[in-house]
Amino acid sequence: MSTIAGKGCPTIIPEEDKKPLKEIERSIVKTYRKQIWSKFIKAIKDYKLIEEGDKIAVAISGGKDSILMAKLFQELQKHGQIKFDVEFIAMDPGYHPHIRKLLLDNCEYLNIPVQIYESGIFDVVDKMAKDYPCYLCARMRRGSLYNKAQELGCNKLSLGHHYNDVIETTMLNLLYSGNFKTMLPKLKSTNFENLELIRPLYYVEEDYIKRFINNSGIAPLNCACMVAAERTGNKRYEIKDLIKQLKENFDGVDKSIFRAASNVSMDAILGWQKGDKKYSYLDFYDE
């Protein structure tokens, strides 16, 4: 039996409701070839996310995005021409035993050889940031995953952020932080030498991830942090709703937001920042 993470007691899902593993794997390159597989490959090629000889730590939270990402990496190793190694890692920040079991059961059913390790992050965050834990928790999780990836001799850490995460991050920064900054498909770690973060689901839309998971019959983890869920509002959900409303009146508005970060006109903005140095358009006005 499988369980769904969430508030209260977990919901039980019969094993017979799951699709056979081979059928799940086949659907990635057949049923969802255009919406998932091709976009996964396109992001890898467009941004050179995977190169010959890479050793990649694939971070599995147990949610829908990371489960799909893990299976995509396995399919790429089967069908791709690039030779690379992977380590599937899962950090336990302090999950309830039922949540941890769900994560492990799903990985076992999907034939994902995951290495799970404990970090105790939930306890630390609860003591240090009782009212607003999400920011500190996210930073500590990222640092822990980087550390584990380095320990395993990996040169890249792969996270399951998708197309909608990119759009929502752009809008969050614009509306709440007063800057134009997006989520990048790859970046070099500033604290861990020779480690790079990659996001191979960069072009994959969340709706298709949901469809794939629902069709597979797998019950992924939702947000397993009851502290964050109960004590704080979530601006990302507000932005998600806002974008949904905008799409009702402006066809393709999500695509426009996504493309905007690739079409910045330096001649028509007031200022920008490169590293620690800030520039004004007036610095170049008389050139």
C-alpha atoms as a PDB file:
ATOM      1  CA  MET A   1       0.000   0.000   0.000  1.00  0.00           C
ATOM      2  CA  SER A   2       1.048   3.598  -0.569  1.00  0.00           C
ATOM      3  CA  THR A   3       0.320   6.709   1.462  1.00  0.00           C
ATOM      4  CA  ILE A   4      -0.195  10.329   0.476  1.00  0.00           C
ATOM      5  CA  ALA A   5       1.604  12.958   2.532  1.00  0.00           C
ATOM      6  CA  GLY A   6      -0.574  15.729   3.862  1.00  0.00           C
ATOM      7  CA  LYS A   7      -2.388  17.079   6.877  1.00  0.00           C
ATOM      8  CA  GLY A   8      -3.809  14.521   9.267  1.00  0.00           C
ATOM      9  CA  CYS A   9      -3.595  10.795   8.664  1.00  0.00           C
ATOM     10  CA  PRO A  10      -2.137   9.632   5.337  1.00  0.00           C
ATOM     11  CA  THR A  11      -4.576   8.403   2.687  1.00  0.00           C
ATOM     12  CA  ILE A  12      -4.112   4.815   1.570  1.00  0.00           C
ATOM     13  CA  ILE A  13      -3.816   4.032  -2.137  1.00  0.00           C
ATOM     14  CA  PRO A  14      -4.042   0.369  -3.254  1.00  0.00           C
ATOM     15  CA  GLU A  15      -0.975  -1.032  -5.015  1.00  0.00           C
ATOM     16  CA  GLU A  16      -3.177  -2.284  -7.862  1.00  0.00           C
ATOM     17  CA  ASP A  17      -3.984   1.329  -8.787  1.00  0.00           C
ATOM     18  CA  LYS A  18      -0.382   1.894  -9.829  1.00  0.00           C
ATOM     19  CA  LYS A  19       0.568   1.368 -13.447  1.00  0.00           C
ATOM     20  CA  PRO A  20       3.212  -1.292 -14.146  1.00  0.00           C
ATOM     21  CA  LEU A  21       6.735   0.140 -14.055  1.00  0.00           C
ATOM     22  CA  LYS A  22       7.475  -0.601 -17.719  1.00  0.00           C
ATOM     23  CA  GLU A  23       4.273   1.181 -18.729  1.00  0.00           C
ATOM     24  CA  ILE A  24       5.206   4.221 -16.629  1.00  0.00           C
ATOM     25  CA  GLU A  25       8.663   4.354 -18.187  1.00  0.00           C
ATOM     26  CA  ARG A  26       7.320   3.862 -21.718  1.00  0.00           C
ATOM     27  CA  SER A  27       4.841   6.719 -21.275  1.00  0.00           C
ATOM     28  CA  ILE A  28       7.704   9.192 -20.733  1.00  0.00           C
ATOM     29  CA  VAL A  29       9.095   8.705 -24.238  1.00  0.00           C
ATOM     30  CA  LYS A  30       5.784   7.805 -25.918  1.00  0.00           C
ATOM     31  CA  THR A  31       2.663   9.371 -24.373  1.00  0.00           C
ATOM     32  CA  TYR A  32       4.488  12.449 -23.056  1.00  0.00           C
ATOM     33  CA  ARG A  33       7.197  12.624 -25.669  1.00  0.00           C
ATOM     34  CA  LYS A  34       6.245  16.112 -26.907  1.00  0.00           C
ATOM     35  CA  GLN A  35       5.253  17.697 -23.589  1.00  0.00           C
ATOM     36  CA  ILE A  36       7.919  16.204 -21.292  1.00  0.00           C
ATOM     37  CA  TRP A  37      10.671  14.146 -22.921  1.00  0.00           C
ATOM     38  CA  SER A  38      11.410  16.511 -25.837  1.00  0.00           C
ATOM     39  CA  LYS A  39      11.398  19.570 -23.571  1.00  0.00           C
ATOM     40  CA  PHE A  40      13.734  17.831 -21.116  1.00  0.00           C
ATOM     41  CA  ILE A  41      16.153  17.103 -23.968  1.00  0.00           C
ATOM     42  CA  LYS A  42      15.796  20.624 -25.386  1.00  0.00           C
ATOM     43  CA  ALA A  43      16.732  22.265 -22.074  1.00  0.00           C
ATOM     44  CA  ILE A  44      19.766  20.005 -21.748  1.00  0.00           C
ATOM     45  CA  LYS A  45      20.929  20.934 -25.262  1.00  0.00           C
ATOM     46  CA  ASP A  46      20.042  24.644 -25.125  1.00  0.00           C
ATOM     47  CA  TYR A  47      21.862  25.275 -21.856  1.00  0.00           C
ATOM     48  CA  LYS A  48      24.503  22.486 -21.972  1.00  0.00           C
ATOM     49  CA  LEU A  49      23.217  21.069 -18.695  1.00  0.00           C
ATOM     50  CA  ILE A  50      24.763  17.611 -19.092  1.00  0.00           C
ATOM     51  CA  GLU A  51      28.171  16.897 -20.598  1.00  0.00           C
ATOM     52  CA  GLU A  52      30.269  13.829 -21.236  1.00  0.00           C
ATOM     53  CA  GLY A  53      31.747  12.412 -18.037  1.00  0.00           C
ATOM     54  CA  ASP A  54      29.498  14.324 -15.625  1.00  0.00           C
ATOM     55  CA  LYS A  55      28.603  12.801 -12.293  1.00  0.00           C
ATOM     56  CA  ILE A  56      25.246  14.245 -11.288  1.00  0.00           C
ATOM     57  CA  ALA A  57      23.530  14.168  -7.907  1.00  0.00           C
ATOM     58  CA  VAL A  58      19.802  14.011  -8.649  1.00  0.00           C
ATOM     59  CA  ALA A  59      17.945  15.398  -5.636  1.00  0.00           C
ATOM     60  CA  ILE A  60      14.690  13.596  -4.839  1.00  0.00           C
ATOM     61  CA  SER A  61      12.329  15.299  -2.414  1.00  0.00           C
ATOM     62  CA  GLY A  62       9.623  12.723  -3.075  1.00  0.00           C
ATOM     63  CA  GLY A  63       7.356  15.240  -4.780  1.00  0.00           C
ATOM     64  CA  LYS A  64       5.967  14.909  -8.296  1.00  0.00           C
ATOM     65  CA  ASP A  65       8.687  17.023  -9.944  1.00  0.00           C
ATOM     66  CA  SER A  66      11.701  15.204  -8.529  1.00  0.00           C
ATOM     67  CA  ILE A  67      10.146  11.763  -9.132  1.00  0.00           C
ATOM     68  CA  LEU A  68       9.668  12.587 -12.810  1.00  0.00           C
ATOM     69  CA  MET A  69      13.163  14.094 -13.008  1.00  0.00           C
ATOM     70  CA  ALA A  70      14.704  10.897 -11.632  1.00  0.00           C
ATOM     71  CA  LYS A  71      12.892   8.764 -14.225  1.00  0.00           C
ATOM     72  CA  LEU A  72      13.923  11.160 -17.005  1.00  0.00           C
ATOM     73  CA  PHE A  73      17.564  10.744 -16.032  1.00  0.00           C
ATOM     74  CA  GLN A  74      17.188   6.978 -16.122  1.00  0.00           C
ATOM     75  CA  GLU A  75      15.594   7.127 -19.566  1.00  0.00           C
ATOM     76  CA  LEU A  76      18.341   9.464 -20.789  1.00  0.00           C
ATOM     77  CA  GLN A  77      20.967   6.965 -19.677  1.00  0.00           C
ATOM     78  CA  LYS A  78      19.115   4.267 -21.638  1.00  0.00           C
ATOM     79  CA  HIS A  79      18.456   6.238 -24.827  1.00  0.00           C
ATOM     80  CA  GLY A  80      20.908   9.149 -24.795  1.00  0.00           C
ATOM     81  CA  GLN A  81      24.307   9.435 -26.445  1.00  0.00           C
ATOM     82  CA  ILE A  82      26.014  11.282 -23.584  1.00  0.00           C
ATOM     83  CA  LYS A  83      27.816   9.095 -21.061  1.00  0.00           C
ATOM     84  CA  PHE A  84      27.367  10.301 -17.494  1.00  0.00           C
ATOM     85  CA  ASP A  85      26.851   8.910 -13.986  1.00  0.00           C
ATOM     86  CA  VAL A  86      24.090   9.689 -11.502  1.00  0.00           C
ATOM     87  CA  GLU A  87      23.617   9.447  -7.758  1.00  0.00           C
ATOM     88  CA  PHE A  88      20.003   9.642  -6.601  1.00  0.00           C
ATOM     89  CA  ILE A  89      19.935  11.356  -3.210  1.00  0.00           C
ATOM     90  CA  ALA A  90      17.105  12.182  -0.822  1.00  0.00           C
ATOM     91  CA  MET A  91      17.475  14.317   2.264  1.00  0.00           C
ATOM     92  CA  ASP A  92      15.277  13.593   5.269  1.00  0.00           C
ATOM     93  CA  PRO A  93      14.946  16.958   7.062  1.00  0.00           C
ATOM     94  CA  GLY A  94      12.849  15.388   9.822  1.00  0.00           C
ATOM     95  CA  TYR A  95       9.912  13.728   8.098  1.00  0.00           C
ATOM     96  CA  HIS A  96       7.244  11.827   9.958  1.00  0.00           C
ATOM     97  CA  PRO A  97       7.989   8.070   9.591  1.00  0.00           C
ATOM     98  CA  HIS A  98       4.936   7.663   7.313  1.00  0.00           C
ATOM     99  CA  ILE A  99       6.260  10.381   4.998  1.00  0.00           C
ATOM    100  CA  ARG A 100       9.718   8.850   4.853  1.00  0.00           C
ATOM    101  CA  LYS A 101       8.207   5.438   4.111  1.00  0.00           C
ATOM    102  CA  LEU A 102       6.136   6.883   1.276  1.00  0.00           C
ATOM    103  CA  LEU A 103       9.243   8.378  -0.306  1.00  0.00           C
ATOM    104  CA  LEU A 104      11.175   5.106  -0.049  1.00  0.00           C
ATOM    105  CA  ASP A 105       8.244   2.967  -1.216  1.00  0.00           C
ATOM    106  CA  ASN A 106       7.750   5.124  -4.313  1.00  0.00           C
ATOM    107  CA  CYS A 107      11.452   5.000  -5.183  1.00  0.00           C
ATOM    108  CA  GLU A 108      11.503   1.232  -4.705  1.00  0.00           C
ATOM    109  CA  TYR A 109       8.437   0.739  -6.912  1.00  0.00           C
ATOM    110  CA  LEU A 110       9.911   2.997  -9.607  1.00  0.00           C
ATOM    111  CA  ASN A 111      13.297   1.279  -9.424  1.00  0.00           C
ATOM    112  CA  ILE A 112      15.107   4.456  -8.337  1.00  0.00           C
ATOM    113  CA  PRO A 113      18.152   3.454  -6.224  1.00  0.00           C
ATOM    114  CA  VAL A 114      17.924   6.388  -3.834  1.00  0.00           C
ATOM    115  CA  GLN A 115      20.332   7.120  -0.996  1.00  0.00           C
ATOM    116  CA  ILE A 116      18.462   8.755   1.871  1.00  0.00           C
ATOM    117  CA  TYR A 117      20.253  10.632   4.611  1.00  0.00           C
ATOM    118  CA  GLU A 118      19.130  12.623   7.641  1.00  0.00           C
ATOM    119  CA  SER A 119      19.799  16.313   8.156  1.00  0.00           C
ATOM    120  CA  GLY A 120      17.553  17.321  11.076  1.00  0.00           C
ATOM    121  CA  ILE A 121      16.824  20.629   9.343  1.00  0.00           C
ATOM    122  CA  PHE A 122      13.204  20.867  10.503  1.00  0.00           C
ATOM    123  CA  ASP A 123      14.278  20.929  14.173  1.00  0.00           C
ATOM    124  CA  VAL A 124      16.953  23.559  13.546  1.00  0.00           C
ATOM    125  CA  VAL A 125      14.626  25.796  11.540  1.00  0.00           C
ATOM    126  CA  ASP A 126      11.821  25.469  14.094  1.00  0.00           C
ATOM    127  CA  LYS A 127      14.159  26.756  16.818  1.00  0.00           C
ATOM    128  CA  MET A 128      15.805  29.521  14.780  1.00  0.00           C
ATOM    129  CA  ALA A 129      12.949  30.817  12.613  1.00  0.00           C
ATOM    130  CA  LYS A 130       9.679  29.976  14.279  1.00  0.00           C
ATOM    131  CA  ASP A 131       7.475  32.526  12.509  1.00  0.00           C
ATOM    132  CA  TYR A 132       8.970  32.555   9.000  1.00  0.00           C
ATOM    133  CA  PRO A 133      10.800  29.253   8.475  1.00  0.00           C
ATOM    134  CA  CYS A 134      10.614  28.828   4.686  1.00  0.00           C
ATOM    135  CA  TYR A 135      13.582  30.993   3.637  1.00  0.00           C
ATOM    136  CA  LEU A 136      16.003  29.501   6.158  1.00  0.00           C
ATOM    137  CA  CYS A 137      14.736  25.986   5.472  1.00  0.00           C
ATOM    138  CA  ALA A 138      15.280  26.384   1.712  1.00  0.00           C
ATOM    139  CA  ARG A 139      18.826  27.684   2.190  1.00  0.00           C
ATOM    140  CA  MET A 140      19.728  24.910   4.586  1.00  0.00           C
ATOM    141  CA  ARG A 141      18.245  22.243   2.323  1.00  0.00           C
ATOM    142  CA  ARG A 142      20.215  23.552  -0.649  1.00  0.00           C
ATOM    143  CA  GLY A 143      23.438  23.639   1.368  1.00  0.00           C
ATOM    144  CA  SER A 144      22.868  20.118   2.653  1.00  0.00           C
ATOM    145  CA  LEU A 145      22.281  18.772  -0.871  1.00  0.00           C
ATOM    146  CA  TYR A 146      25.392  20.526  -2.183  1.00  0.00           C
ATOM    147  CA  ASN A 147      27.411  19.027   0.646  1.00  0.00           C
ATOM    148  CA  LYS A 148      26.091  15.517  -0.043  1.00  0.00           C
ATOM    149  CA  ALA A 149      26.746  15.887  -3.772  1.00  0.00           C
ATOM    150  CA  GLN A 150      30.327  16.943  -3.090  1.00  0.00           C
ATOM    151  CA  GLU A 151      30.776  14.070  -0.641  1.00  0.00           C
ATOM    152  CA  LEU A 152      29.722  11.648  -3.407  1.00  0.00           C
ATOM    153  CA  GLY A 153      32.203  13.144  -5.868  1.00  0.00           C
ATOM    154  CA  CYS A 154      29.582  14.778  -8.084  1.00  0.00           C
ATOM    155  CA  ASN A 155      30.246  17.875 -10.174  1.00  0.00           C
ATOM    156  CA  LYS A 156      26.570  18.763 -10.636  1.00  0.00           C
ATOM    157  CA  LEU A 157      23.432  18.861  -8.496  1.00  0.00           C
ATOM    158  CA  SER A 158      20.113  18.547 -10.328  1.00  0.00           C
ATOM    159  CA  LEU A 159      16.903  20.044  -8.904  1.00  0.00           C
ATOM    160  CA  GLY A 160      13.326  19.590 -10.121  1.00  0.00           C
ATOM    161  CA  HIS A 161      12.289  23.203 -10.727  1.00  0.00           C
ATOM    162  CA  HIS A 162      10.056  23.453 -13.788  1.00  0.00           C
ATOM    163  CA  TYR A 163       8.721  26.008 -16.295  1.00  0.00           C
ATOM    164  CA  ASN A 164       6.053  27.357 -13.939  1.00  0.00           C
ATOM    165  CA  ASP A 165       8.570  27.774 -11.124  1.00  0.00           C
ATOM    166  CA  VAL A 166      10.601  30.007 -13.444  1.00  0.00           C
ATOM    167  CA  ILE A 167       7.608  32.205 -14.264  1.00  0.00           C
ATOM    168  CA  GLU A 168       6.454  32.426 -10.647  1.00  0.00           C
ATOM    169  CA  THR A 169       9.950  33.325  -9.431  1.00  0.00           C
ATOM    170  CA  THR A 170      10.180  36.094 -12.025  1.00  0.00           C
ATOM    171  CA  MET A 171       6.830  37.544 -10.910  1.00  0.00           C
ATOM    172  CA  LEU A 172       7.633  37.159  -7.202  1.00  0.00           C
ATOM    173  CA  ASN A 173      10.810  39.185  -7.644  1.00  0.00           C
ATOM    174  CA  LEU A 174       9.043  41.798  -9.741  1.00  0.00           C
ATOM    175  CA  LEU A 175       6.024  42.309  -7.476  1.00  0.00           C
ATOM    176  CA  TYR A 176       7.476  41.705  -4.010  1.00  0.00           C
ATOM    177  CA  SER A 177      11.205  42.453  -4.279  1.00  0.00           C
ATOM    178  CA  GLY A 178      11.145  45.272  -6.808  1.00  0.00           C
ATOM    179  CA  ASN A 179      13.724  43.717  -9.116  1.00  0.00           C
ATOM    180  CA  PHE A 180      13.796  41.776 -12.369  1.00  0.00           C
ATOM    181  CA  LYS A 181      15.462  38.465 -11.631  1.00  0.00           C
ATOM    182  CA  THR A 182      14.568  35.003 -12.817  1.00  0.00           C
ATOM    183  CA  MET A 183      15.454  31.398 -12.007  1.00  0.00           C
ATOM    184  CA  LEU A 184      18.407  30.294 -14.147  1.00  0.00           C
ATOM    185  CA  PRO A 185      18.716  26.881 -15.832  1.00  0.00           C
ATOM    186  CA  LYS A 186      22.185  26.422 -14.370  1.00  0.00           C
ATOM    187  CA  LEU A 187      24.551  28.273 -12.075  1.00  0.00           C
ATOM    188  CA  LYS A 188      27.851  27.687 -10.345  1.00  0.00           C
ATOM    189  CA  SER A 189      27.862  27.237  -6.597  1.00  0.00           C
ATOM    190  CA  THR A 190      29.531  30.091  -4.728  1.00  0.00           C
ATOM    191  CA  ASN A 191      30.232  28.022  -1.607  1.00  0.00           C
ATOM    192  CA  PHE A 192      31.071  24.579  -3.005  1.00  0.00           C
ATOM    193  CA  GLU A 193      34.038  24.451  -5.345  1.00  0.00           C
ATOM    194  CA  ASN A 194      33.560  22.772  -8.735  1.00  0.00           C
ATOM    195  CA  LEU A 195      29.848  22.196  -8.185  1.00  0.00           C
ATOM    196  CA  GLU A 196      27.142  23.385 -10.543  1.00  0.00           C
ATOM    197  CA  LEU A 197      23.372  23.424 -10.067  1.00  0.00           C
ATOM    198  CA  ILE A 198      21.217  22.399 -13.042  1.00  0.00           C
ATOM    199  CA  ARG A 199      17.452  22.474 -13.697  1.00  0.00           C
ATOM    200  CA  PRO A 200      16.642  20.080 -16.575  1.00  0.00           C
ATOM    201  CA  LEU A 201      12.843  20.489 -16.199  1.00  0.00           C
ATOM    202  CA  TYR A 202      13.250  24.159 -17.145  1.00  0.00           C
ATOM    203  CA  TYR A 203      10.911  23.896 -20.161  1.00  0.00           C
ATOM    204  CA  VAL A 204       8.473  21.325 -18.733  1.00  0.00           C
ATOM    205  CA  GLU A 205       5.075  22.691 -17.716  1.00  0.00           C
ATOM    206  CA  GLU A 206       3.657  21.681 -14.335  1.00  0.00           C
ATOM    207  CA  ASP A 207       0.317  20.544 -15.768  1.00  0.00           C
ATOM    208  CA  TYR A 208       2.019  17.772 -17.716  1.00  0.00           C
ATOM    209  CA  ILE A 209       4.023  16.685 -14.685  1.00  0.00           C
ATOM    210  CA  LYS A 210       0.738  16.342 -12.800  1.00  0.00           C
ATOM    211  CA  ARG A 211      -0.791  14.369 -15.667  1.00  0.00           C
ATOM    212  CA  PHE A 212       2.158  12.002 -15.809  1.00  0.00           C
ATOM    213  CA  ILE A 213       2.081  11.370 -12.049  1.00  0.00           C
ATOM    214  CA  ASN A 214      -1.702  10.940 -11.940  1.00  0.00           C
ATOM    215  CA  ASN A 215      -1.591   8.554 -14.889  1.00  0.00           C
ATOM    216  CA  SER A 216       1.132   6.499 -13.198  1.00  0.00           C
ATOM    217  CA  GLY A 217      -0.952   5.996 -10.049  1.00  0.00           C
ATOM    218  CA  ILE A 218       1.959   7.073  -7.844  1.00  0.00           C
ATOM    219  CA  ALA A 219       1.165   9.132  -4.729  1.00  0.00           C
ATOM    220  CA  PRO A 220       3.942  11.736  -4.405  1.00  0.00           C
ATOM    221  CA  LEU A 221       4.780  13.745  -1.318  1.00  0.00           C
ATOM    222  CA  ASN A 222       3.094  17.112  -1.074  1.00  0.00           C
ATOM    223  CA  CYS A 223       4.616  19.709   1.240  1.00  0.00           C
ATOM    224  CA  ALA A 224       5.574  17.569   4.243  1.00  0.00           C
ATOM    225  CA  CYS A 225       6.449  20.547   6.443  1.00  0.00           C
ATOM    226  CA  MET A 226       3.456  21.153   8.703  1.00  0.00           C
ATOM    227  CA  VAL A 227       5.307  24.010  10.449  1.00  0.00           C
ATOM    228  CA  ALA A 228       5.450  26.075   7.270  1.00  0.00           C
ATOM    229  CA  ALA A 229       1.973  25.076   6.146  1.00  0.00           C
ATOM    230  CA  GLU A 230       0.310  26.112   9.382  1.00  0.00           C
ATOM    231  CA  ARG A 231       2.208  29.261  10.374  1.00  0.00           C
ATOM    232  CA  THR A 232       2.867  31.196   7.212  1.00  0.00           C
ATOM    233  CA  GLY A 233       1.091  32.274   4.058  1.00  0.00           C
ATOM    234  CA  ASN A 234       2.655  31.319   0.763  1.00  0.00           C
ATOM    235  CA  LYS A 235       3.214  34.130  -1.726  1.00  0.00           C
ATOM    236  CA  ARG A 236       4.068  31.632  -4.458  1.00  0.00           C
ATOM    237  CA  TYR A 237       0.497  30.312  -4.392  1.00  0.00           C
ATOM    238  CA  GLU A 238      -0.798  33.869  -4.661  1.00  0.00           C
ATOM    239  CA  ILE A 239       1.396  34.415  -7.727  1.00  0.00           C
ATOM    240  CA  LYS A 240       0.258  31.097  -9.191  1.00  0.00           C
ATOM    241  CA  ASP A 241      -3.368  32.231  -8.870  1.00  0.00           C
ATOM    242  CA  LEU A 242      -2.536  35.638 -10.333  1.00  0.00           C
ATOM    243  CA  ILE A 243      -0.925  34.102 -13.419  1.00  0.00           C
ATOM    244  CA  LYS A 244      -3.916  31.806 -13.832  1.00  0.00           C
ATOM    245  CA  GLN A 245      -6.228  34.836 -13.791  1.00  0.00           C
ATOM    246  CA  LEU A 246      -4.055  36.727 -16.270  1.00  0.00           C
ATOM    247  CA  LYS A 247      -4.126  33.781 -18.675  1.00  0.00           C
ATOM    248  CA  GLU A 248      -7.929  34.018 -18.797  1.00  0.00           C
ATOM    249  CA  ASN A 249      -7.668  37.484 -20.370  1.00  0.00           C
ATOM    250  CA  PHE A 250      -4.252  37.420 -22.063  1.00  0.00           C
ATOM    251  CA  ASP A 251      -3.529  34.404 -24.201  1.00  0.00           C
ATOM    252  CA  GLY A 252       0.070  33.222 -23.829  1.00  0.00           C
ATOM    253  CA  VAL A 253       0.896  35.555 -20.946  1.00  0.00           C
ATOM    254  CA  ASP A 254       2.878  32.785 -19.212  1.00  0.00           C
ATOM    255  CA  LYS A 255       5.049  32.362 -22.299  1.00  0.00           C
ATOM    256  CA  SER A 256       5.604  36.122 -22.478  1.00  0.00           C
ATOM    257  CA  ILE A 257       6.755  36.219 -18.847  1.00  0.00           C
ATOM    258  CA  PHE A 258       9.108  33.300 -19.497  1.00  0.00           C
ATOM    259  CA  ARG A 259      10.587  34.898 -22.651  1.00  0.00           C
ATOM    260  CA  ALA A 260      10.991  38.312 -21.025  1.00  0.00           C
ATOM    261  CA  ALA A 261      14.153  37.225 -19.205  1.00  0.00           C
ATOM    262  CA  SER A 262      15.738  36.401 -22.578  1.00  0.00           C
ATOM    263  CA  ASN A 263      14.681  39.678 -24.206  1.00  0.00           C
ATOM    264  CA  VAL A 264      15.922  42.376 -21.846  1.00  0.00           C
ATOM    265  CA  SER A 265      16.795  45.571 -23.727  1.00  0.00           C
ATOM    266  CA  MET A 266      19.747  47.205 -21.980  1.00  0.00           C
ATOM    267  CA  ASP A 267      18.909  50.441 -23.828  1.00  0.00           C
ATOM    268  CA  ALA A 268      15.486  50.702 -22.170  1.00  0.00           C
ATOM    269  CA  ILE A 269      16.052  49.984 -18.479  1.00  0.00           C
ATOM    270  CA  LEU A 270      17.023  52.396 -15.727  1.00  0.00           C
ATOM    271  CA  GLY A 271      19.660  50.279 -14.065  1.00  0.00           C
ATOM    272  CA  TRP A 272      21.188  46.837 -13.671  1.00  0.00           C
ATOM    273  CA  GLN A 273      23.631  44.943 -11.510  1.00  0.00           C
ATOM    274  CA  LYS A 274      26.583  42.771 -12.512  1.00  0.00           C
ATOM    275  CA  GLY A 275      28.081  40.948  -9.561  1.00  0.00           C
ATOM    276  CA  ASP A 276      28.370  43.462  -6.726  1.00  0.00           C
ATOM    277  CA  LYS A 277      28.537  46.500  -9.019  1.00  0.00           C
ATOM    278  CA  LYS A 278      25.447  48.533  -9.921  1.00  0.00           C
ATOM    279  CA  TYR A 279      25.036  50.523 -13.118  1.00  0.00           C
ATOM    280  CA  SER A 280      22.687  53.315 -14.227  1.00  0.00           C
ATOM    281  CA  TYR A 281      21.663  54.000 -17.794  1.00  0.00           C
ATOM    282  CA  LEU A 282      23.023  57.497 -17.180  1.00  0.00           C
ATOM    283  CA  ASP A 283      26.533  55.998 -16.938  1.00  0.00           C
ATOM    284  CA  PHE A 284      26.309  55.335 -20.671  1.00  0.00           C
ATOM    285  CA  TYR A 285      23.914  58.153 -21.677  1.00  0.00           C
ATOM    286  CA  ASP A 286      26.473  60.295 -23.548  1.00  0.00           C
ATOM    287  CA  GLU A 287      28.308  57.472 -25.263  1.00  0.00           C
END
